[in-house]
């Protein structure tokens, strides 16, 4: 399934533009390359911007939005040092969540 999204707040920001705040909860099978965030997942017709409101999950995973591919990529500190690397395919992230602010059109 990937990620389940629970709406926390929403508001109109002018015209047909909306902003939604959601809690994104990961499941037990992360997909390499990132988990899809489709506009329909959060009740929008299109996504214009995603802001990660909480910098990391409770366990310290870093989540990034890739606007080119429309996915949320989960990263962790590399064992070899040298920065963050994407977590492995099928990593169990159940219990991990992140708060997102999503701006788009209805």
C-alpha atoms as a PDB file:
ATOM      1  CA  UNK A   1       0.000   0.000   0.000  1.00  0.00           C
ATOM      2  CA  UNK A   2       2.847   2.448   0.666  1.00  0.00           C
ATOM      3  CA  UNK A   3       1.582   5.403   2.659  1.00  0.00           C
ATOM      4  CA  UNK A   4      -1.752   6.227   4.228  1.00  0.00           C
ATOM      5  CA  UNK A   5      -2.667   9.897   4.436  1.00  0.00           C
ATOM      6  CA  UNK A   6      -4.814  11.368   7.210  1.00  0.00           C
ATOM      7  CA  UNK A   7      -5.981  14.958   6.775  1.00  0.00           C
ATOM      8  CA  UNK A   8      -5.249  17.156   9.778  1.00  0.00           C
ATOM      9  CA  UNK A   9      -6.297  20.552   8.395  1.00  0.00           C
ATOM     10  CA  UNK A  10      -7.255  22.273   5.135  1.00  0.00           C
ATOM     11  CA  UNK A  11      -7.921  25.778   3.895  1.00  0.00           C
ATOM     12  CA  UNK A  12      -8.582  27.733   0.741  1.00  0.00           C
ATOM     13  CA  UNK A  13      -5.690  29.987  -0.198  1.00  0.00           C
ATOM     14  CA  UNK A  14      -7.397  31.915  -2.999  1.00  0.00           C
ATOM     15  CA  UNK A  15      -9.128  31.030  -6.232  1.00  0.00           C
ATOM     16  CA  UNK A  16      -9.173  27.273  -6.690  1.00  0.00           C
ATOM     17  CA  UNK A  17      -6.022  26.842  -4.656  1.00  0.00           C
ATOM     18  CA  UNK A  18      -6.101  24.785  -1.447  1.00  0.00           C
ATOM     19  CA  UNK A  19      -3.615  23.834   1.221  1.00  0.00           C
ATOM     20  CA  UNK A  20      -3.939  20.562   3.097  1.00  0.00           C
ATOM     21  CA  UNK A  21      -1.976  19.375   6.093  1.00  0.00           C
ATOM     22  CA  UNK A  22      -1.749  15.590   6.329  1.00  0.00           C
ATOM     23  CA  UNK A  23      -0.065  12.976   8.466  1.00  0.00           C
ATOM     24  CA  UNK A  24       1.669  10.487   6.153  1.00  0.00           C
ATOM     25  CA  UNK A  25       2.084   7.056   7.784  1.00  0.00           C
ATOM     26  CA  UNK A  26       4.433   4.584   6.118  1.00  0.00           C
ATOM     27  CA  UNK A  27       3.831   0.835   6.016  1.00  0.00           C
ATOM     28  CA  UNK A  28       6.071  -2.215   6.217  1.00  0.00           C
ATOM     29  CA  UNK A  29       7.235  -2.254   2.597  1.00  0.00           C
ATOM     30  CA  UNK A  30       9.045   0.861   1.311  1.00  0.00           C
ATOM     31  CA  UNK A  31       9.397   1.015  -2.476  1.00  0.00           C
ATOM     32  CA  UNK A  32      12.890   1.868  -3.767  1.00  0.00           C
ATOM     33  CA  UNK A  33      12.809   5.143  -5.676  1.00  0.00           C
ATOM     34  CA  UNK A  34      10.149   6.600  -3.389  1.00  0.00           C
ATOM     35  CA  UNK A  35       6.516   6.283  -2.418  1.00  0.00           C
ATOM     36  CA  UNK A  36       4.018   7.926  -4.730  1.00  0.00           C
ATOM     37  CA  UNK A  37       2.003  10.947  -3.597  1.00  0.00           C
ATOM     38  CA  UNK A  38      -0.831  11.423  -6.078  1.00  0.00           C
ATOM     39  CA  UNK A  39      -3.189  14.410  -5.897  1.00  0.00           C
ATOM     40  CA  UNK A  40      -6.106  12.012  -5.412  1.00  0.00           C
ATOM     41  CA  UNK A  41      -4.397  10.599  -2.278  1.00  0.00           C
ATOM     42  CA  UNK A  42      -5.120  13.882  -0.506  1.00  0.00           C
ATOM     43  CA  UNK A  43      -8.304  14.995  -2.266  1.00  0.00           C
ATOM     44  CA  UNK A  44      -6.733  17.426  -4.734  1.00  0.00           C
ATOM     45  CA  UNK A  45      -6.812  17.704  -8.518  1.00  0.00           C
ATOM     46  CA  UNK A  46      -3.151  18.729  -8.761  1.00  0.00           C
ATOM     47  CA  UNK A  47      -0.165  19.273  -6.477  1.00  0.00           C
ATOM     48  CA  UNK A  48       1.904  22.434  -6.823  1.00  0.00           C
ATOM     49  CA  UNK A  49       4.135  22.203  -3.744  1.00  0.00           C
ATOM     50  CA  UNK A  50       4.843  19.893  -0.810  1.00  0.00           C
ATOM     51  CA  UNK A  51       6.512  21.082   2.381  1.00  0.00           C
ATOM     52  CA  UNK A  52       7.778  18.571   4.920  1.00  0.00           C
ATOM     53  CA  UNK A  53       6.699  20.149   8.222  1.00  0.00           C
ATOM     54  CA  UNK A  54       8.482  17.725  10.533  1.00  0.00           C
ATOM     55  CA  UNK A  55      12.107  17.332   9.480  1.00  0.00           C
ATOM     56  CA  UNK A  56      12.444  13.668  10.404  1.00  0.00           C
ATOM     57  CA  UNK A  57      10.353  10.712  11.516  1.00  0.00           C
ATOM     58  CA  UNK A  58      10.464   9.574  15.156  1.00  0.00           C
ATOM     59  CA  UNK A  59      13.318   7.178  14.331  1.00  0.00           C
ATOM     60  CA  UNK A  60      15.313   9.856  12.509  1.00  0.00           C
ATOM     61  CA  UNK A  61      14.576   9.005   8.870  1.00  0.00           C
ATOM     62  CA  UNK A  62      14.696  12.038   6.581  1.00  0.00           C
ATOM     63  CA  UNK A  63      11.831  12.359   4.086  1.00  0.00           C
ATOM     64  CA  UNK A  64      12.193  14.442   0.926  1.00  0.00           C
ATOM     65  CA  UNK A  65       9.658  15.403  -1.731  1.00  0.00           C
ATOM     66  CA  UNK A  66      10.774  14.904  -5.338  1.00  0.00           C
ATOM     67  CA  UNK A  67       8.531  17.143  -7.460  1.00  0.00           C
ATOM     68  CA  UNK A  68       9.919  15.774 -10.737  1.00  0.00           C
ATOM     69  CA  UNK A  69       8.669  12.260 -10.008  1.00  0.00           C
ATOM     70  CA  UNK A  70       5.891  12.965  -7.485  1.00  0.00           C
ATOM     71  CA  UNK A  71       7.320  10.724  -4.761  1.00  0.00           C
ATOM     72  CA  UNK A  72       8.394  10.910  -1.138  1.00  0.00           C
ATOM     73  CA  UNK A  73      11.919   9.525  -0.748  1.00  0.00           C
ATOM     74  CA  UNK A  74      13.077   8.220   2.634  1.00  0.00           C
ATOM     75  CA  UNK A  75      16.756   8.580   3.520  1.00  0.00           C
ATOM     76  CA  UNK A  76      18.999   7.567   6.405  1.00  0.00           C
ATOM     77  CA  UNK A  77      22.564   8.208   7.484  1.00  0.00           C
ATOM     78  CA  UNK A  78      24.964   6.075   5.446  1.00  0.00           C
ATOM     79  CA  UNK A  79      26.910   3.385   7.322  1.00  0.00           C
ATOM     80  CA  UNK A  80      30.019   4.411   5.378  1.00  0.00           C
ATOM     81  CA  UNK A  81      29.559   8.058   6.283  1.00  0.00           C
ATOM     82  CA  UNK A  82      29.305  10.704   3.621  1.00  0.00           C
ATOM     83  CA  UNK A  83      25.724  11.768   4.077  1.00  0.00           C
ATOM     84  CA  UNK A  84      22.256  10.425   3.497  1.00  0.00           C
ATOM     85  CA  UNK A  85      21.313   7.474   1.310  1.00  0.00           C
ATOM     86  CA  UNK A  86      17.912   6.158   0.342  1.00  0.00           C
ATOM     87  CA  UNK A  87      16.679   3.289   2.510  1.00  0.00           C
ATOM     88  CA  UNK A  88      16.670  -0.139   0.876  1.00  0.00           C
ATOM     89  CA  UNK A  89      13.719  -1.524  -1.052  1.00  0.00           C
ATOM     90  CA  UNK A  90      11.198  -3.303   1.224  1.00  0.00           C
ATOM     91  CA  UNK A  91      12.490  -1.554   4.383  1.00  0.00           C
ATOM     92  CA  UNK A  92       9.901  -1.840   7.159  1.00  0.00           C
ATOM     93  CA  UNK A  93       8.867   1.721   7.998  1.00  0.00           C
ATOM     94  CA  UNK A  94       5.670   0.803   9.849  1.00  0.00           C
ATOM     95  CA  UNK A  95       5.205   3.147  12.775  1.00  0.00           C
ATOM     96  CA  UNK A  96       7.033   5.969  10.962  1.00  0.00           C
ATOM     97  CA  UNK A  97       5.105   9.084   9.958  1.00  0.00           C
ATOM     98  CA  UNK A  98       5.716  12.608   8.779  1.00  0.00           C
ATOM     99  CA  UNK A  99       3.574  15.755   8.603  1.00  0.00           C
ATOM    100  CA  UNK A 100       3.151  17.348   5.169  1.00  0.00           C
ATOM    101  CA  UNK A 101       1.708  20.650   3.990  1.00  0.00           C
ATOM    102  CA  UNK A 102       0.464  20.216   0.416  1.00  0.00           C
ATOM    103  CA  UNK A 103      -0.572  23.113  -1.808  1.00  0.00           C
ATOM    104  CA  UNK A 104      -2.543  22.397  -4.940  1.00  0.00           C
ATOM    105  CA  UNK A 105      -5.780  22.888  -6.811  1.00  0.00           C
ATOM    106  CA  UNK A 106      -9.091  21.186  -6.263  1.00  0.00           C
END
